[in-house]
Amino acid sequence: MSLSAARSGNNLVSWNEAGLGDNLNIDYTASATATRVDSCVNNGQNIPADPKKTTTQSPVTASGDFAVKNGQVTASLTIFPPATTLSCPKGRQHAHQPLVHQREDH
């Protein structure tokens, strides 16, 4: 299994599972507790010295039904970050801050 993160905050979980037999569909679910940090930036895309920030943490999931082909499933699911609650003052705009992602296998 692999996890890759996009600048947007979306996470792509990819895997290959073998030894499954044939003529099957298997449901997969990827879940995590996601934390995102957002701040307001000025028109130059700079974070002011006294940034307005918010941190949002919530469970996120993605599910899919995948067909087994030649005894295996190779697939991906995209997990989207939680919505932000940040409201920026006039003259500033919302920016998602990059995060360090931690993978947990269960």
N, C-alpha and C. Protein backbone atom coordinates (compact mmCIF):
# COMPACT_ATOMS: atom_id res chain seq x y z
N MET A 1 0.85 -1.16 0.00
CA MET A 1 0.00 0.00 0.00
C MET A 1 0.90 1.22 0.00
N SER A 2 0.46 2.27 -0.70
CA SER A 2 1.20 3.53 -0.70
C SER A 2 0.24 4.69 -0.46
N LEU A 3 0.77 5.78 0.05
CA LEU A 3 0.00 6.98 0.31
C LEU A 3 0.75 8.15 -0.31
N SER A 4 0.06 8.94 -1.12
CA SER A 4 0.67 10.14 -1.67
C SER A 4 -0.26 11.31 -1.42
N ALA A 5 0.32 12.47 -1.17
CA ALA A 5 -0.46 13.66 -0.84
C ALA A 5 -0.27 14.72 -1.91
N ALA A 6 -1.35 15.34 -2.31
CA ALA A 6 -1.31 16.43 -3.28
C ALA A 6 -1.28 17.76 -2.53
N ARG A 7 -0.83 18.79 -3.19
CA ARG A 7 -0.79 20.13 -2.60
C ARG A 7 -2.17 20.57 -2.13
N SER A 8 -3.22 20.11 -2.77
CA SER A 8 -4.59 20.45 -2.40
C SER A 8 -5.00 19.85 -1.06
N GLY A 9 -4.22 18.89 -0.57
CA GLY A 9 -4.58 18.21 0.67
C GLY A 9 -5.23 16.86 0.44
N ASN A 10 -5.54 16.54 -0.81
CA ASN A 10 -6.11 15.23 -1.13
C ASN A 10 -5.05 14.15 -0.94
N ASN A 11 -5.45 12.99 -0.49
CA ASN A 11 -4.54 11.86 -0.30
C ASN A 11 -4.98 10.72 -1.18
N LEU A 12 -4.04 10.14 -1.90
CA LEU A 12 -4.31 9.00 -2.77
C LEU A 12 -3.74 7.75 -2.11
N VAL A 13 -4.61 6.80 -1.81
CA VAL A 13 -4.22 5.52 -1.22
C VAL A 13 -4.27 4.49 -2.34
N SER A 14 -3.15 3.82 -2.59
CA SER A 14 -3.06 2.83 -3.68
C SER A 14 -2.58 1.50 -3.12
N TRP A 15 -3.06 0.40 -3.71
CA TRP A 15 -2.67 -0.91 -3.22
C TRP A 15 -2.83 -1.95 -4.31
N ASN A 16 -2.23 -3.13 -4.03
CA ASN A 16 -2.39 -4.32 -4.84
C ASN A 16 -2.61 -5.48 -3.88
N GLU A 17 -3.69 -6.21 -4.07
CA GLU A 17 -3.97 -7.39 -3.25
C GLU A 17 -4.10 -8.58 -4.20
N ALA A 18 -3.39 -9.65 -3.90
CA ALA A 18 -3.36 -10.83 -4.78
C ALA A 18 -3.86 -12.07 -4.06
N GLY A 19 -4.07 -13.14 -4.83
CA GLY A 19 -4.51 -14.41 -4.28
C GLY A 19 -5.99 -14.42 -3.94
N LEU A 20 -6.80 -13.73 -4.74
CA LEU A 20 -8.21 -13.52 -4.40
C LEU A 20 -9.20 -14.42 -5.13
N GLY A 21 -8.78 -15.15 -6.10
CA GLY A 21 -9.74 -15.93 -6.88
C GLY A 21 -10.23 -15.10 -8.05
N ASP A 22 -11.34 -15.52 -8.66
CA ASP A 22 -11.87 -14.81 -9.82
C ASP A 22 -13.36 -14.55 -9.67
N ASN A 23 -13.88 -13.71 -10.57
CA ASN A 23 -15.30 -13.37 -10.62
C ASN A 23 -15.83 -12.82 -9.29
N LEU A 24 -15.05 -11.93 -8.69
CA LEU A 24 -15.43 -11.31 -7.42
C LEU A 24 -15.40 -9.80 -7.55
N ASN A 25 -16.20 -9.15 -6.75
CA ASN A 25 -16.09 -7.71 -6.51
C ASN A 25 -15.81 -7.55 -5.02
N ILE A 26 -14.87 -6.70 -4.68
CA ILE A 26 -14.50 -6.51 -3.28
C ILE A 26 -14.66 -5.04 -2.93
N ASP A 27 -15.29 -4.78 -1.78
CA ASP A 27 -15.43 -3.42 -1.27
C ASP A 27 -14.22 -3.08 -0.42
N TYR A 28 -13.65 -1.91 -0.66
CA TYR A 28 -12.52 -1.41 0.13
C TYR A 28 -12.92 -0.06 0.72
N THR A 29 -12.42 0.21 1.92
CA THR A 29 -12.62 1.50 2.57
C THR A 29 -11.29 1.96 3.14
N ALA A 30 -10.93 3.19 2.84
CA ALA A 30 -9.75 3.83 3.44
C ALA A 30 -10.27 4.89 4.39
N SER A 31 -9.74 4.90 5.59
CA SER A 31 -10.19 5.89 6.57
C SER A 31 -9.00 6.43 7.36
N ALA A 32 -9.18 7.63 7.87
CA ALA A 32 -8.11 8.28 8.65
C ALA A 32 -8.73 9.40 9.48
N THR A 33 -7.96 9.87 10.43
CA THR A 33 -8.30 11.12 11.10
C THR A 33 -7.42 12.18 10.46
N ALA A 34 -8.04 13.15 9.82
CA ALA A 34 -7.29 14.16 9.07
C ALA A 34 -7.26 15.47 9.84
N THR A 35 -6.11 16.09 9.80
CA THR A 35 -5.94 17.42 10.39
C THR A 35 -5.47 18.35 9.28
N ARG A 36 -6.13 19.47 9.15
CA ARG A 36 -5.70 20.46 8.16
C ARG A 36 -5.54 21.79 8.86
N VAL A 37 -4.58 22.57 8.38
CA VAL A 37 -4.33 23.90 8.90
C VAL A 37 -4.51 24.86 7.74
N ASP A 38 -5.32 25.89 7.95
CA ASP A 38 -5.58 26.89 6.93
C ASP A 38 -5.22 28.26 7.50
N SER A 39 -4.74 29.14 6.63
CA SER A 39 -4.47 30.50 7.06
C SER A 39 -4.90 31.46 5.95
N CYS A 40 -5.00 32.72 6.32
CA CYS A 40 -5.33 33.76 5.36
C CYS A 40 -4.03 34.37 4.84
N VAL A 41 -3.90 34.51 3.53
CA VAL A 41 -2.71 35.10 2.93
C VAL A 41 -3.11 36.40 2.23
N ASN A 42 -2.10 37.26 2.03
CA ASN A 42 -2.38 38.51 1.33
C ASN A 42 -2.35 38.27 -0.18
N ASN A 43 -2.58 39.31 -0.95
CA ASN A 43 -2.65 39.16 -2.41
C ASN A 43 -1.34 38.70 -3.03
N GLY A 44 -0.24 38.87 -2.32
CA GLY A 44 1.06 38.39 -2.81
C GLY A 44 1.33 36.94 -2.42
N GLN A 45 0.31 36.24 -1.90
CA GLN A 45 0.41 34.85 -1.45
C GLN A 45 1.37 34.68 -0.28
N ASN A 46 1.61 35.76 0.47
CA ASN A 46 2.46 35.71 1.65
C ASN A 46 1.60 35.59 2.90
N ILE A 47 2.09 34.85 3.87
CA ILE A 47 1.39 34.74 5.14
C ILE A 47 1.83 35.90 6.01
N PRO A 48 0.91 36.76 6.45
CA PRO A 48 1.27 37.89 7.29
C PRO A 48 1.92 37.45 8.59
N ALA A 49 2.63 38.38 9.25
CA ALA A 49 3.30 38.08 10.51
C ALA A 49 2.30 37.63 11.59
N ASP A 50 1.09 38.14 11.54
CA ASP A 50 0.06 37.75 12.50
C ASP A 50 -1.08 37.04 11.76
N PRO A 51 -0.79 35.83 11.24
CA PRO A 51 -1.79 35.16 10.40
C PRO A 51 -3.02 34.74 11.17
N LYS A 52 -4.14 34.83 10.47
CA LYS A 52 -5.38 34.26 10.99
C LYS A 52 -5.36 32.80 10.55
N LYS A 53 -5.45 31.88 11.53
CA LYS A 53 -5.36 30.45 11.23
C LYS A 53 -6.50 29.69 11.87
N THR A 54 -6.76 28.53 11.32
CA THR A 54 -7.69 27.59 11.94
C THR A 54 -7.19 26.18 11.68
N THR A 55 -7.41 25.32 12.64
CA THR A 55 -7.07 23.91 12.51
C THR A 55 -8.36 23.12 12.59
N THR A 56 -8.55 22.23 11.62
CA THR A 56 -9.75 21.39 11.57
C THR A 56 -9.31 19.94 11.61
N GLN A 57 -9.92 19.16 12.48
CA GLN A 57 -9.61 17.73 12.56
C GLN A 57 -10.92 16.96 12.53
N SER A 58 -10.97 15.94 11.69
CA SER A 58 -12.17 15.10 11.62
C SER A 58 -11.85 13.79 10.91
N PRO A 59 -12.71 12.79 11.10
CA PRO A 59 -12.52 11.54 10.37
C PRO A 59 -12.89 11.73 8.89
N VAL A 60 -12.14 11.08 8.02
CA VAL A 60 -12.41 11.12 6.58
C VAL A 60 -12.35 9.69 6.05
N THR A 61 -13.17 9.40 5.04
CA THR A 61 -13.17 8.07 4.45
C THR A 61 -13.40 8.15 2.95
N ALA A 62 -13.02 7.09 2.29
CA ALA A 62 -13.33 6.89 0.87
C ALA A 62 -13.56 5.40 0.68
N SER A 63 -14.54 5.06 -0.14
CA SER A 63 -14.87 3.65 -0.38
C SER A 63 -15.04 3.38 -1.86
N GLY A 64 -14.84 2.13 -2.23
CA GLY A 64 -15.05 1.75 -3.62
C GLY A 64 -15.22 0.25 -3.74
N ASP A 65 -15.86 -0.15 -4.81
CA ASP A 65 -16.10 -1.55 -5.13
C ASP A 65 -15.25 -1.87 -6.36
N PHE A 66 -14.35 -2.85 -6.24
CA PHE A 66 -13.41 -3.13 -7.32
C PHE A 66 -13.50 -4.58 -7.76
N ALA A 67 -13.44 -4.80 -9.06
CA ALA A 67 -13.50 -6.15 -9.63
C ALA A 67 -12.14 -6.82 -9.56
N VAL A 68 -12.14 -8.09 -9.21
CA VAL A 68 -10.93 -8.89 -9.20
C VAL A 68 -10.64 -9.32 -10.62
N LYS A 69 -9.40 -9.13 -11.06
CA LYS A 69 -8.97 -9.53 -12.40
C LYS A 69 -7.72 -10.37 -12.26
N ASN A 70 -7.75 -11.57 -12.80
CA ASN A 70 -6.62 -12.50 -12.72
C ASN A 70 -6.19 -12.71 -11.27
N GLY A 71 -7.16 -12.79 -10.36
CA GLY A 71 -6.87 -13.08 -8.97
C GLY A 71 -6.34 -11.93 -8.14
N GLN A 72 -6.39 -10.71 -8.69
CA GLN A 72 -5.87 -9.59 -7.92
C GLN A 72 -6.64 -8.31 -8.17
N VAL A 73 -6.47 -7.39 -7.23
CA VAL A 73 -7.03 -6.05 -7.35
C VAL A 73 -5.88 -5.06 -7.21
N THR A 74 -5.74 -4.18 -8.18
CA THR A 74 -4.82 -3.06 -8.11
C THR A 74 -5.69 -1.82 -8.26
N ALA A 75 -5.73 -0.97 -7.23
CA ALA A 75 -6.68 0.14 -7.24
C ALA A 75 -6.18 1.29 -6.38
N SER A 76 -6.95 2.38 -6.40
CA SER A 76 -6.66 3.57 -5.61
C SER A 76 -7.96 4.20 -5.15
N LEU A 77 -7.91 4.86 -4.02
CA LEU A 77 -9.01 5.67 -3.50
C LEU A 77 -8.45 7.03 -3.12
N THR A 78 -9.23 8.07 -3.35
CA THR A 78 -8.82 9.42 -2.95
C THR A 78 -9.59 9.84 -1.71
N ILE A 79 -8.83 10.22 -0.68
CA ILE A 79 -9.42 10.75 0.55
C ILE A 79 -9.27 12.26 0.52
N PHE A 80 -10.39 12.95 0.65
CA PHE A 80 -10.37 14.41 0.61
C PHE A 80 -10.26 14.97 2.02
N PRO A 81 -9.59 16.13 2.18
CA PRO A 81 -9.44 16.72 3.51
C PRO A 81 -10.77 17.24 4.03
N PRO A 82 -10.88 17.41 5.36
CA PRO A 82 -12.11 17.99 5.89
C PRO A 82 -12.27 19.43 5.41
N ALA A 83 -13.50 19.90 5.42
CA ALA A 83 -13.76 21.29 5.01
C ALA A 83 -13.19 22.26 6.04
N THR A 84 -12.82 23.42 5.58
CA THR A 84 -12.30 24.44 6.50
C THR A 84 -13.44 25.29 7.04
N THR A 85 -13.20 25.85 8.21
CA THR A 85 -14.17 26.77 8.81
C THR A 85 -13.61 28.20 8.82
N LEU A 86 -12.47 28.40 8.17
CA LEU A 86 -11.79 29.70 8.18
C LEU A 86 -12.51 30.72 7.32
N SER A 87 -12.66 31.92 7.83
CA SER A 87 -13.21 33.05 7.09
C SER A 87 -12.17 34.17 7.10
N CYS A 88 -11.72 34.56 5.92
CA CYS A 88 -10.65 35.55 5.82
C CYS A 88 -11.20 36.97 5.72
N PRO A 89 -10.50 37.94 6.32
CA PRO A 89 -10.93 39.33 6.21
C PRO A 89 -10.70 39.86 4.79
N LYS A 90 -11.32 40.96 4.48
CA LYS A 90 -11.20 41.58 3.15
C LYS A 90 -9.73 41.83 2.82
N GLY A 91 -9.35 41.53 1.59
CA GLY A 91 -7.98 41.73 1.14
C GLY A 91 -7.09 40.52 1.36
N ARG A 92 -7.62 39.49 2.00
CA ARG A 92 -6.85 38.26 2.20
C ARG A 92 -7.67 37.09 1.67
N GLN A 93 -6.96 36.02 1.34
CA GLN A 93 -7.64 34.84 0.81
C GLN A 93 -7.16 33.59 1.55
N HIS A 94 -7.96 32.56 1.46
CA HIS A 94 -7.72 31.30 2.14
C HIS A 94 -6.58 30.53 1.47
N ALA A 95 -5.71 29.91 2.27
CA ALA A 95 -4.64 29.05 1.75
C ALA A 95 -4.51 27.83 2.65
N HIS A 96 -4.51 26.66 2.05
CA HIS A 96 -4.32 25.40 2.77
C HIS A 96 -2.84 25.22 3.02
N GLN A 97 -2.45 24.98 4.26
CA GLN A 97 -1.04 24.80 4.60
C GLN A 97 -0.63 23.35 4.39
N PRO A 98 0.56 23.10 3.85
CA PRO A 98 1.01 21.71 3.66
C PRO A 98 1.17 21.01 5.00
N LEU A 99 0.87 19.72 5.03
CA LEU A 99 0.94 18.93 6.25
C LEU A 99 1.91 17.77 6.08
N VAL A 100 2.39 17.28 7.19
CA VAL A 100 3.14 16.03 7.19
C VAL A 100 2.13 14.93 7.39
N HIS A 101 2.16 13.92 6.54
CA HIS A 101 1.19 12.82 6.59
C HIS A 101 1.80 11.62 7.25
N GLN A 102 1.03 11.00 8.11
CA GLN A 102 1.49 9.83 8.82
C GLN A 102 0.62 8.64 8.41
N ARG A 103 1.25 7.57 8.03
CA ARG A 103 0.54 6.39 7.55
C ARG A 103 0.38 5.39 8.69
N GLU A 104 -0.81 4.83 8.80
CA GLU A 104 -1.08 3.78 9.77
C GLU A 104 -1.68 2.59 9.04
N ASP A 105 -1.06 1.44 9.12
CA ASP A 105 -1.60 0.22 8.52
C ASP A 105 -2.28 -0.61 9.59
N HIS A 106 -3.45 -1.12 9.26
CA HIS A 106 -4.18 -1.97 10.21
C HIS A 106 -4.57 -3.26 9.53
